[in-house]
Protein backbone atom coordinates (compact mmCIF):
# COMPACT_ATOMS: atom_id res chain seq x y z
CA MET A 1 -25.15 29.07 64.44
CA ILE A 2 -28.88 28.87 65.18
CA ARG A 3 -29.96 25.30 64.57
CA MET A 4 -32.96 24.78 62.32
CA LYS A 5 -35.64 22.25 63.16
CA ASN A 6 -37.40 21.12 59.99
CA ILE A 7 -36.03 19.75 56.72
CA LEU A 8 -37.78 19.89 53.33
CA VAL A 9 -35.92 18.23 50.44
CA ILE A 10 -37.46 18.95 47.03
CA LEU A 11 -36.08 16.49 44.50
CA THR A 12 -36.61 16.20 40.76
CA ASP A 13 -35.63 13.49 38.30
CA GLN A 14 -33.13 14.01 35.49
CA GLN A 15 -33.20 17.83 35.54
CA ARG A 16 -30.47 20.00 34.13
CA LYS A 17 -29.14 22.92 36.08
CA ASP A 18 -29.56 25.26 33.10
CA SER A 19 -33.31 24.58 32.88
CA LEU A 20 -33.84 27.13 35.68
CA GLY A 21 -34.03 30.88 35.40
CA CYS A 22 -31.75 31.31 38.40
CA TYR A 23 -29.06 29.40 36.48
CA GLY A 24 -29.45 31.61 33.42
CA ASN A 25 -32.30 30.14 31.36
CA PRO A 26 -34.30 33.06 29.89
CA VAL A 27 -37.05 30.87 28.38
CA CYS A 28 -38.17 28.33 30.97
CA GLN A 29 -40.40 30.00 33.55
CA THR A 30 -39.28 29.08 37.08
CA PRO A 31 -40.21 32.07 39.29
CA ASN A 32 -40.74 29.98 42.43
CA LEU A 33 -37.42 28.18 42.31
CA ASP A 34 -35.80 31.49 41.39
CA ARG A 35 -37.16 33.10 44.56
CA LEU A 36 -35.94 30.12 46.56
CA ALA A 37 -32.50 30.70 45.04
CA GLU A 38 -32.63 34.38 46.00
CA SER A 39 -33.36 33.48 49.62
CA GLY A 40 -30.63 30.84 49.87
CA VAL A 41 -27.35 29.63 48.43
CA ARG A 42 -27.16 28.66 44.76
CA PHE A 43 -24.37 26.19 44.10
CA THR A 44 -22.87 26.17 40.60
CA ARG A 45 -20.59 23.13 41.02
CA HIS A 46 -22.74 20.45 42.60
CA TYR A 47 -21.85 16.98 41.29
CA VAL A 48 -23.58 13.63 41.40
CA ALA A 49 -21.97 10.49 42.82
CA ASN A 50 -23.37 8.52 39.87
CA PRO A 51 -25.16 9.71 36.69
CA ILE A 52 -28.26 7.47 36.85
CA CYS A 53 -31.29 7.27 39.15
CA MET A 54 -31.15 4.50 41.75
CA PRO A 55 -27.43 4.62 42.63
CA ASN A 56 -27.31 8.38 43.01
CA ARG A 57 -30.54 8.57 44.97
CA LEU A 58 -29.15 6.16 47.53
CA SER A 59 -25.88 8.11 47.65
CA LEU A 60 -27.87 11.28 48.34
CA PHE A 61 -29.68 9.67 51.26
CA THR A 62 -26.80 7.64 52.72
CA GLY A 63 -23.80 9.91 52.09
CA LYS A 64 -21.94 6.90 50.67
CA ASN A 65 -20.24 6.13 47.37
CA ILE A 66 -21.97 3.50 45.27
CA ARG A 67 -19.34 0.82 45.94
CA ASN A 68 -19.97 1.28 49.66
CA HIS A 69 -23.77 1.17 49.68
CA GLY A 70 -23.79 -1.52 46.99
CA LEU A 71 -26.51 -0.16 44.68
CA TRP A 72 -24.23 0.38 41.69
CA THR A 73 -26.81 0.48 38.89
CA ASN A 74 -30.56 0.55 38.24
CA GLY A 75 -32.52 -2.64 38.70
CA LEU A 76 -30.69 -4.04 41.74
CA LEU A 77 -32.50 -5.21 44.85
CA ILE A 78 -30.33 -4.81 47.95
CA PRO A 79 -31.21 -5.13 51.64
CA GLU A 80 -32.65 -2.01 53.24
CA GLN A 81 -29.96 0.01 54.98
CA PRO A 82 -29.71 3.14 57.14
CA THR A 83 -30.49 6.44 55.44
CA VAL A 84 -30.41 10.04 56.60
CA ALA A 85 -34.19 9.77 56.98
CA GLU A 86 -33.70 6.94 59.48
CA HIS A 87 -31.10 9.03 61.30
CA PHE A 88 -33.52 11.93 61.66
CA ARG A 89 -36.32 9.56 62.69
CA ALA A 90 -34.12 8.10 65.42
CA ASN A 91 -33.58 11.64 66.67
CA GLY A 92 -37.25 12.42 67.09
CA TYR A 93 -38.23 13.64 63.63
CA GLN A 94 -41.36 12.80 61.68
CA THR A 95 -40.12 11.45 58.34
CA ALA A 96 -42.07 11.24 55.09
CA SER A 97 -41.44 10.70 51.38
CA ILE A 98 -43.98 11.76 48.78
CA GLY A 99 -43.44 10.81 45.12
CA LYS A 100 -40.54 9.01 43.49
CA ILE A 101 -37.98 7.59 45.91
CA HIS A 102 -36.69 4.67 43.76
CA PHE A 103 -34.44 2.80 46.16
CA THR A 104 -35.66 -0.53 44.75
CA PRO A 105 -36.39 -1.66 41.17
CA TYR A 106 -39.48 -1.25 39.06
CA GLY A 107 -40.73 -4.56 37.76
CA GLY A 108 -38.94 -7.80 38.59
CA ASP A 109 -39.88 -10.35 41.20
CA GLY A 110 -37.91 -9.44 44.28
CA GLY A 111 -40.68 -8.79 46.76
CA ASN A 112 -39.96 -5.06 46.88
CA LEU A 113 -42.71 -2.48 47.21
CA GLU A 114 -41.39 -0.18 44.47
CA SER A 115 -42.36 -2.66 41.80
CA GLU A 116 -45.09 -2.33 39.20
CA ASN A 117 -45.88 -5.99 39.83
CA LYS A 118 -46.68 -5.19 43.44
CA TRP A 119 -49.35 -2.67 42.46
CA SER A 120 -50.99 -4.30 39.44
CA GLY A 121 -51.87 -7.89 40.41
CA PRO A 122 -54.71 -9.40 42.46
CA ASP A 123 -52.51 -10.09 45.48
CA THR A 124 -50.73 -6.77 45.65
CA PRO A 125 -50.73 -4.56 48.76
CA GLY A 126 -53.40 -1.90 48.79
CA THR A 127 -52.59 1.76 48.95
CA GLU A 128 -53.55 1.73 52.61
CA TRP A 129 -49.88 0.79 53.07
CA THR A 130 -47.91 3.97 53.76
CA GLY A 131 -44.68 2.70 55.28
CA PRO A 132 -42.37 2.50 57.06
CA TYR A 133 -39.78 2.32 54.28
CA TRP A 134 -36.02 3.00 54.34
CA GLY A 135 -36.30 5.31 57.33
CA PHE A 136 -39.48 7.07 56.21
CA GLU A 137 -42.39 6.57 58.58
CA HIS A 138 -44.88 7.75 55.96
CA VAL A 139 -44.59 6.99 52.24
CA GLU A 140 -46.79 7.77 49.24
CA LEU A 141 -45.28 6.49 46.00
CA THR A 142 -45.27 7.29 42.35
CA LEU A 143 -43.85 4.58 40.08
CA GLY A 144 -42.38 5.35 36.68
CA HIS A 145 -43.45 8.59 35.04
CA THR A 146 -47.12 9.55 35.14
CA GLN A 147 -48.13 5.90 35.48
CA PRO A 148 -51.45 5.15 37.25
CA LEU A 149 -49.82 2.97 39.91
CA ALA A 150 -49.37 2.93 43.69
CA HIS A 151 -50.60 5.92 45.70
CA TYR A 152 -50.58 8.26 42.72
CA GLY A 153 -52.72 5.80 40.74
CA GLU A 154 -55.37 5.72 43.44
CA TRP A 155 -55.28 9.54 43.76
CA PHE A 156 -55.54 9.90 39.96
CA HIS A 157 -58.56 7.61 39.62
CA ASN A 158 -60.33 9.02 42.68
CA ARG A 159 -60.22 12.46 41.05
CA GLY A 160 -61.76 11.28 37.80
CA GLY A 161 -58.64 10.30 35.90
CA THR A 162 -59.26 7.99 32.95
CA GLY A 163 -57.13 5.90 30.65
CA HIS A 164 -57.35 8.22 27.66
CA MET A 165 -55.68 10.96 29.71
CA LEU A 166 -52.56 8.81 29.95
CA GLU A 167 -52.21 8.29 26.20
CA ARG A 168 -49.29 10.04 24.53
CA HIS A 169 -50.19 11.87 21.33
CA PRO A 170 -47.24 12.46 18.95
CA VAL A 171 -46.44 15.94 17.72
CA SER A 172 -43.54 15.70 15.27
CA GLY A 173 -42.72 12.03 15.76
CA ALA A 174 -39.77 12.73 18.07
CA MET A 175 -38.58 9.80 20.18
CA GLN A 176 -40.35 9.31 23.52
CA SER A 177 -42.26 12.52 23.03
CA GLY A 178 -45.81 13.73 22.76
CA MET A 179 -48.57 15.39 24.73
CA ARG A 180 -51.13 13.98 27.12
CA ASN A 181 -54.74 15.16 27.20
CA MET A 182 -54.50 15.28 30.96
CA PRO A 183 -55.45 18.25 33.13
CA GLU A 184 -52.48 19.66 35.01
CA ASP A 185 -54.31 19.10 38.28
CA LEU A 186 -54.24 15.31 37.67
CA HIS A 187 -50.54 15.12 36.80
CA ASP A 188 -48.11 13.40 39.17
CA SER A 189 -46.27 16.71 39.71
CA THR A 190 -49.49 18.04 41.20
CA PHE A 191 -49.93 14.87 43.25
CA VAL A 192 -46.50 15.30 44.84
CA ALA A 193 -47.17 18.90 45.86
CA GLU A 194 -50.71 18.28 47.07
CA ARG A 195 -49.83 15.27 49.22
CA ALA A 196 -46.72 16.97 50.63
CA ILE A 197 -48.88 19.95 51.59
CA GLU A 198 -51.34 17.61 53.30
CA PHE A 199 -48.46 16.14 55.30
CA LEU A 200 -47.50 19.64 56.45
CA LYS A 201 -51.07 20.33 57.54
CA ASP A 202 -51.49 16.98 59.31
CA ARG A 203 -48.04 16.78 60.94
CA LYS A 204 -47.58 16.58 64.67
CA PRO A 205 -46.82 20.20 65.59
CA ASP A 206 -44.75 19.22 68.60
CA LYS A 207 -42.20 17.30 66.50
CA PRO A 208 -39.86 18.50 63.72
CA PHE A 209 -40.14 16.89 60.30
CA PHE A 210 -37.89 15.53 57.56
CA LEU A 211 -39.99 15.64 54.39
CA VAL A 212 -38.96 14.65 50.87
CA ALA A 213 -41.15 15.84 47.99
CA SER A 214 -39.83 14.03 44.91
CA PHE A 215 -41.13 14.88 41.44
CA PRO A 216 -40.79 12.17 38.72
CA ASP A 217 -40.29 14.81 35.98
CA PRO A 218 -38.62 16.12 33.81
CA HIS A 219 -37.27 12.60 33.12
CA HIS A 220 -38.16 11.21 29.68
CA PRO A 221 -40.62 10.46 28.14
CA PHE A 222 -41.02 14.09 27.14
CA ASP A 223 -44.81 14.20 27.45
CA PRO A 224 -46.29 17.07 29.44
CA PRO A 225 -50.03 17.79 29.53
CA ALA A 226 -51.16 19.49 26.33
CA GLU A 227 -52.08 22.69 28.19
CA THR A 228 -48.57 22.86 29.67
CA ALA A 229 -46.87 22.13 26.35
CA ALA A 230 -48.88 24.93 24.73
CA ARG A 231 -47.04 27.47 26.91
CA TYR A 232 -43.81 26.67 25.03
CA ALA A 233 -45.05 25.63 21.58
CA SER A 234 -43.59 28.68 19.87
CA LYS A 235 -40.82 29.54 22.32
CA ALA A 236 -37.17 29.70 21.40
CA ILE A 237 -34.87 27.11 22.97
CA ILE A 238 -31.36 27.18 24.36
CA PRO A 239 -29.39 25.30 21.68
CA PRO A 240 -27.51 22.21 22.89
CA ALA A 241 -23.76 22.51 23.35
CA GLY A 242 -21.35 21.15 20.76
CA ASP A 243 -21.93 18.82 17.85
CA LEU A 244 -21.01 15.45 16.40
CA ASP A 245 -17.41 16.43 15.66
CA ASP A 246 -16.79 16.73 19.41
CA LEU A 247 -17.18 12.97 19.72
CA ASP A 248 -14.11 12.28 17.56
CA THR A 249 -11.84 12.39 20.61
CA ARG A 250 -14.20 10.54 22.95
CA PRO A 251 -14.46 6.77 23.51
CA GLU A 252 -16.45 4.85 20.91
CA HIS A 253 -19.55 4.43 23.07
CA TYR A 254 -20.24 8.16 22.72
CA ARG A 255 -20.70 7.89 18.96
CA GLN A 256 -22.66 4.66 19.36
CA HIS A 257 -25.05 6.49 21.65
CA PHE A 258 -25.31 9.38 19.16
CA GLN A 259 -26.58 6.82 16.62
CA GLY A 260 -29.01 5.24 19.07
CA ALA A 261 -27.07 1.97 19.19
CA TRP A 262 -25.61 2.05 22.71
CA HIS A 263 -27.51 0.77 25.72
CA ARG A 264 -26.41 -0.44 29.13
CA SER A 265 -27.42 -3.95 28.08
CA GLY A 266 -25.16 -3.86 25.01
CA VAL A 267 -24.65 -2.29 21.60
CA GLY A 268 -27.36 -2.92 19.02
CA LYS A 269 -28.32 -1.67 15.60
CA ALA A 270 -28.09 2.08 15.00
CA LYS A 271 -31.49 3.78 15.02
CA HIS A 272 -30.46 7.16 13.61
CA LEU A 273 -27.07 7.38 11.93
CA ASP A 274 -27.30 11.15 11.65
CA GLY A 275 -28.57 11.74 15.16
CA ILE A 276 -31.79 13.52 16.16
CA SER A 277 -33.16 16.12 13.78
CA GLN A 278 -33.34 19.81 14.61
CA GLU A 279 -37.14 19.68 14.60
CA HIS A 280 -37.21 16.80 17.06
CA THR A 281 -34.53 18.42 19.21
CA GLN A 282 -36.58 21.57 19.53
CA GLU A 283 -39.70 19.61 20.51
CA LEU A 284 -37.89 17.60 23.17
CA ILE A 285 -36.35 20.69 24.73
CA ARG A 286 -39.64 22.63 24.65
CA HIS A 287 -41.40 19.73 26.34
CA THR A 288 -38.65 19.62 28.96
CA TYR A 289 -39.25 23.31 29.64
CA ALA A 290 -42.97 22.61 29.99
CA MET A 291 -42.39 19.81 32.51
CA VAL A 292 -40.04 22.03 34.51
CA ASP A 293 -42.61 24.84 34.40
CA LEU A 294 -45.26 22.55 35.91
CA ILE A 295 -42.84 21.40 38.61
CA ASP A 296 -42.01 25.00 39.44
CA ARG A 297 -45.65 25.99 39.89
CA ASN A 298 -46.17 23.07 42.25
CA VAL A 299 -42.99 23.94 44.15
CA GLY A 300 -44.53 27.39 44.53
CA ARG A 301 -47.61 25.84 46.13
CA LEU A 302 -45.40 23.90 48.52
CA LEU A 303 -43.38 26.97 49.50
CA ASP A 304 -46.60 28.93 49.99
CA ALA A 305 -47.84 26.15 52.28
CA LEU A 306 -44.72 26.54 54.43
CA ASP A 307 -45.57 30.22 54.77
CA ALA A 308 -49.23 29.50 55.54
CA GLU A 309 -48.20 27.07 58.28
CA ASN A 310 -45.67 29.59 59.66
CA LEU A 311 -42.87 27.11 59.01
CA ARG A 312 -40.54 28.96 56.64
CA ASP A 313 -38.27 30.44 59.31
CA ASP A 314 -37.86 27.06 61.02
CA THR A 315 -37.28 24.98 57.88
CA ILE A 316 -34.18 24.19 55.85
CA VAL A 317 -35.30 23.91 52.22
CA VAL A 318 -33.14 22.01 49.74
CA PHE A 319 -33.79 21.73 46.01
CA THR A 320 -31.81 19.40 43.77
CA SER A 321 -32.13 16.66 41.14
CA ASP A 322 -30.94 13.06 41.18
CA HIS A 323 -28.86 13.72 38.03
CA GLY A 324 -29.01 15.80 34.87
CA GLU A 325 -29.87 15.07 31.23
CA LEU A 326 -27.68 15.26 28.11
CA LEU A 327 -30.60 16.95 26.26
CA GLY A 328 -28.89 17.06 22.88
CA ASP A 329 -25.44 18.24 23.99
CA HIS A 330 -22.98 16.95 21.39
CA GLY A 331 -25.94 15.10 19.84
CA LEU A 332 -26.51 12.90 22.92
CA TRP A 333 -29.63 12.28 25.00
CA PHE A 334 -30.69 10.81 28.33
CA LYS A 335 -27.93 9.52 30.66
CA GLY A 336 -25.20 6.93 31.16
CA PRO A 337 -21.38 6.92 31.02
CA PHE A 338 -21.22 10.25 29.14
CA PHE A 339 -19.70 12.55 31.71
CA TYR A 340 -20.63 15.96 30.32
CA GLU A 341 -21.57 18.75 32.71
CA GLY A 342 -25.24 18.74 31.67
CA LEU A 343 -25.56 15.24 33.10
CA ILE A 344 -23.36 15.32 36.21
CA ASN A 345 -23.40 18.98 37.37
CA THR A 346 -26.88 19.42 38.82
CA PRO A 347 -28.84 22.24 40.50
CA LEU A 348 -28.53 22.69 44.24
CA LEU A 349 -30.31 25.37 46.27
CA ILE A 350 -30.14 25.49 50.07
CA ALA A 351 -32.21 28.07 51.91
CA CYS A 352 -31.91 28.50 55.66
CA PRO A 353 -33.81 31.63 56.74
CA SER A 354 -32.13 33.82 59.35
CA THR A 355 -29.18 31.44 59.47
CA ILE A 356 -27.15 31.38 56.27
CA ALA A 357 -26.67 34.43 54.10
CA PRO A 358 -27.97 34.04 50.55
CA GLY A 359 -25.57 34.12 47.64
CA VAL A 360 -23.87 32.10 44.94
CA SER A 361 -21.19 29.49 45.61
CA ASP A 362 -18.70 28.10 43.09
CA ALA A 363 -17.32 25.63 45.64
CA LEU A 364 -17.28 21.92 44.83
CA PHE A 365 -20.20 20.12 46.49
CA SER A 366 -20.81 16.37 46.09
CA ASP A 367 -24.17 14.66 46.48
CA LEU A 368 -22.42 12.68 49.21
CA ASP A 369 -22.19 15.90 51.23
CA LEU A 370 -25.92 16.53 51.57
CA ALA A 371 -26.56 14.03 54.37
CA PRO A 372 -23.76 15.20 56.70
CA THR A 373 -24.56 18.84 55.90
CA LEU A 374 -28.22 18.44 56.89
CA CYS A 375 -27.24 16.63 60.06
CA GLU A 376 -24.93 19.43 61.17
CA LEU A 377 -27.41 22.16 60.20
CA ALA A 378 -30.01 20.46 62.37
CA GLY A 379 -27.61 20.03 65.26
CA LEU A 380 -27.50 16.23 65.04
CA ALA A 381 -24.47 14.01 65.45
CA PRO A 382 -23.16 12.82 62.06
CA MET A 383 -24.22 9.47 60.66
CA PRO A 384 -21.53 6.78 60.94
CA PHE A 385 -19.30 5.64 58.08
CA LEU A 386 -20.01 8.53 55.70
CA ASP A 387 -17.99 9.28 52.57
CA GLY A 388 -19.46 12.78 52.30
CA LEU A 389 -18.27 15.95 54.03
CA SER A 390 -20.35 18.52 55.88
CA GLN A 391 -20.47 21.77 53.92
CA VAL A 392 -21.56 23.80 56.96
CA PRO A 393 -18.08 25.40 57.32
CA HIS A 394 -18.44 26.72 53.78
CA LEU A 395 -22.03 27.86 54.35
CA GLU A 396 -20.86 29.84 57.37
CA ASN A 397 -17.77 31.24 55.64
CA ARG A 398 -17.78 31.26 51.83
CA GLN A 399 -14.00 31.60 51.82
CA ALA A 400 -13.61 28.23 53.58
CA SER A 401 -13.06 25.30 51.25
CA VAL A 402 -14.44 21.89 52.26
CA ARG A 403 -13.39 19.70 49.35
CA GLU A 404 -10.82 19.86 46.55
CA ARG A 405 -12.36 17.22 44.29
CA CYS A 406 -15.49 15.18 43.64
CA LEU A 407 -15.49 11.46 42.85
CA ILE A 408 -18.10 9.99 40.49
CA GLU A 409 -18.42 6.23 40.03
CA TYR A 410 -20.24 4.26 37.34
CA ARG A 411 -20.85 0.62 36.50
CA THR A 412 -22.83 -0.46 33.48
CA GLY A 413 -24.13 -3.85 34.67
CA TYR A 414 -25.66 -6.46 32.35
CA GLY A 415 -23.10 -9.26 32.53
CA GLU A 416 -20.60 -9.19 29.68
CA SER A 417 -21.50 -5.56 28.95
CA ASP A 418 -20.38 -4.52 32.43
CA CYS A 419 -17.76 -1.79 32.49
CA SER A 420 -16.63 0.47 35.31
CA ALA A 421 -15.56 4.09 35.15
CA LYS A 422 -14.31 6.52 37.76
CA VAL A 423 -14.37 10.28 37.36
CA LEU A 424 -12.47 12.98 39.25
CA VAL A 425 -13.65 16.58 39.07
CA THR A 426 -11.40 19.35 40.36
CA ASP A 427 -11.55 23.11 40.24
CA GLN A 428 -10.35 23.13 36.62
CA HIS A 429 -10.26 19.60 35.24
CA LYS A 430 -12.38 16.51 34.73
CA TYR A 431 -10.60 13.19 34.38
CA VAL A 432 -12.29 9.89 33.46
CA ARG A 433 -10.66 6.48 33.67
CA TYR A 434 -12.44 3.42 32.29
CA GLN A 435 -11.92 -0.22 33.17
CA THR A 436 -10.81 -0.66 29.55
CA GLY A 437 -7.92 1.78 30.05
CA GLU A 438 -9.61 4.50 27.97
CA GLU A 439 -9.29 8.01 29.34
CA GLU A 440 -10.92 11.41 29.06
CA LEU A 441 -9.52 14.72 30.21
CA THR A 442 -11.35 18.02 29.86
CA ASP A 443 -9.98 21.42 30.77
CA LEU A 444 -13.19 23.02 32.00
CA ARG A 445 -11.67 26.46 32.24
CA GLU A 446 -10.28 26.53 28.69
CA ASP A 447 -13.04 24.40 27.14
CA PRO A 448 -16.30 25.06 29.06
CA LYS A 449 -18.42 23.45 26.31
CA GLU A 450 -16.30 20.27 26.59
CA CYS A 451 -15.58 19.97 22.90
CA ILE A 452 -12.14 18.33 23.15
CA ASN A 453 -10.81 15.36 25.07
CA VAL A 454 -7.16 16.28 25.69
CA ALA A 455 -6.17 12.99 27.37
CA GLY A 456 -3.85 12.27 24.44
CA ASP A 457 -2.44 15.80 24.14
CA PRO A 458 1.29 15.86 25.07
CA ALA A 459 0.81 19.26 26.70
CA TYR A 460 -1.52 17.70 29.29
CA GLN A 461 0.44 14.58 30.21
CA ALA A 462 1.80 15.95 33.48
CA ILE A 463 -1.66 17.14 34.50
CA LYS A 464 -3.17 13.78 33.54
CA SER A 465 -0.59 11.87 35.60
CA LYS A 466 -1.37 13.99 38.66
CA LEU A 467 -5.12 13.54 38.20
CA LEU A 468 -4.70 9.78 37.90
CA ALA A 469 -2.74 9.75 41.18
CA ASP A 470 -5.36 12.00 42.81
CA LEU A 471 -8.10 9.67 41.58
CA LEU A 472 -6.38 6.70 43.20
CA ASP A 473 -5.99 8.68 46.43
CA GLU A 474 -9.68 9.57 46.43
CA VAL A 475 -10.71 5.95 45.84
CA LEU A 476 -8.46 4.77 48.67
CA LYS A 477 -9.67 7.52 50.99
CA THR A 478 -13.29 6.50 50.47
CA GLU A 479 -12.98 2.76 50.95
CA GLN A 480 -15.73 1.19 53.07
CA LYS A 481 -15.42 2.41 56.67
CA GLY A 482 -17.95 0.11 58.34
CA PRO A 483 -18.98 -1.99 60.09
CA GLU A 484 -17.62 -1.04 63.47
CA GLN A 485 -14.76 -3.20 64.71
CA ILE A 486 -15.70 -4.83 68.01
CA SER A 487 -12.49 -6.74 68.84
CA HIS A 488 -8.98 -7.49 67.62
CA ALA A 489 -9.88 -10.99 66.48
């Protein structure tokens, strides 16, 4: 195989696979990501290691399960540790991260740089700080979602951004939704593309690069610029899968979330006993399409910049998201321990010009696999103590199978509300085991919309027993491998 030199990872936040045209969405306009898919491999069964932001982002960049890197939920501050960016840097690469990286918490008082407190007080570091950070030599941050903080905040204000542009104006009164009277060219999606393009122009041409361009959207709140929202104001939507009745066979926290009562910090008072209205559902989905549309146009600018710099043939381009979004499926929204496909089965496109034939792959691919795969594609030795597997054998020969199952781990956090869950996804089944002893089993082949939990069905008991044993095997197989043993005693 010809080894590629440069790496460009394009990352989004909380984006569903089916929000892209290349994955079958006929409404949302994503021509640039669609052309990337046509030039590369489109994976249909790419699974997260965890269904929320911080843990899965660190799994993506370390190739480790959450219990091995230690960042098991949002809001934790852990010591900085080796990432794939550091591995590439140590091997002579320029490394940069533009946008949302989110390895450390927002808010809090832990001394970390990804904190709103660090960018809003009189003693905070100025935006002249650009790294190093977690293996990235150069960093330009966004914090939160279209918040005028950190490097994006300075960029926004320097280009004439004002406070009224950040205000969210309600449309139908839907939760966490509205429109901003902000020009598209001042949005943080534009910031990510523009600054990533500047990095490409200013890079050292004698060194390869590892660049991450990470868009904070389409994560809630659902509040695109008004001009972007107008593109979809009268468009049809793809209706969410399933309905409330599907929750009858699921654990109780599913119905609690449907009613707006469940949160990681505990169960409170129900906010909407009958769920989200059809009118509000349509608005939230249309605004999601608008945010994805704006991302896509900025991805197009970034891909065009690769062409303008004559870099496309020497660059591996990866597009993915840190996790998905429930987006109304079975009446549920956002994320958490609700292991439906819309949340855990995310988009993955890998384009390697002149090296890997384009096509579609239905092979299982875990987020843990991205780091070792990029290392092998670039001709680097693998990082030590990885839980992920290189998918290069499959990229070279689509008939070759790299993994038989994907492991997903979740912990709620928040003291007495803490609860663990482990999920095993195979070619046909998805099995969930909770710390409480509750179980879920979905036959993805027979029930692709995931309407029925068959964990209690007598016809599935033999399958469930095997999946439980396989889950234990997978957990044991991925126990912490490091640190290196230096003696017998």
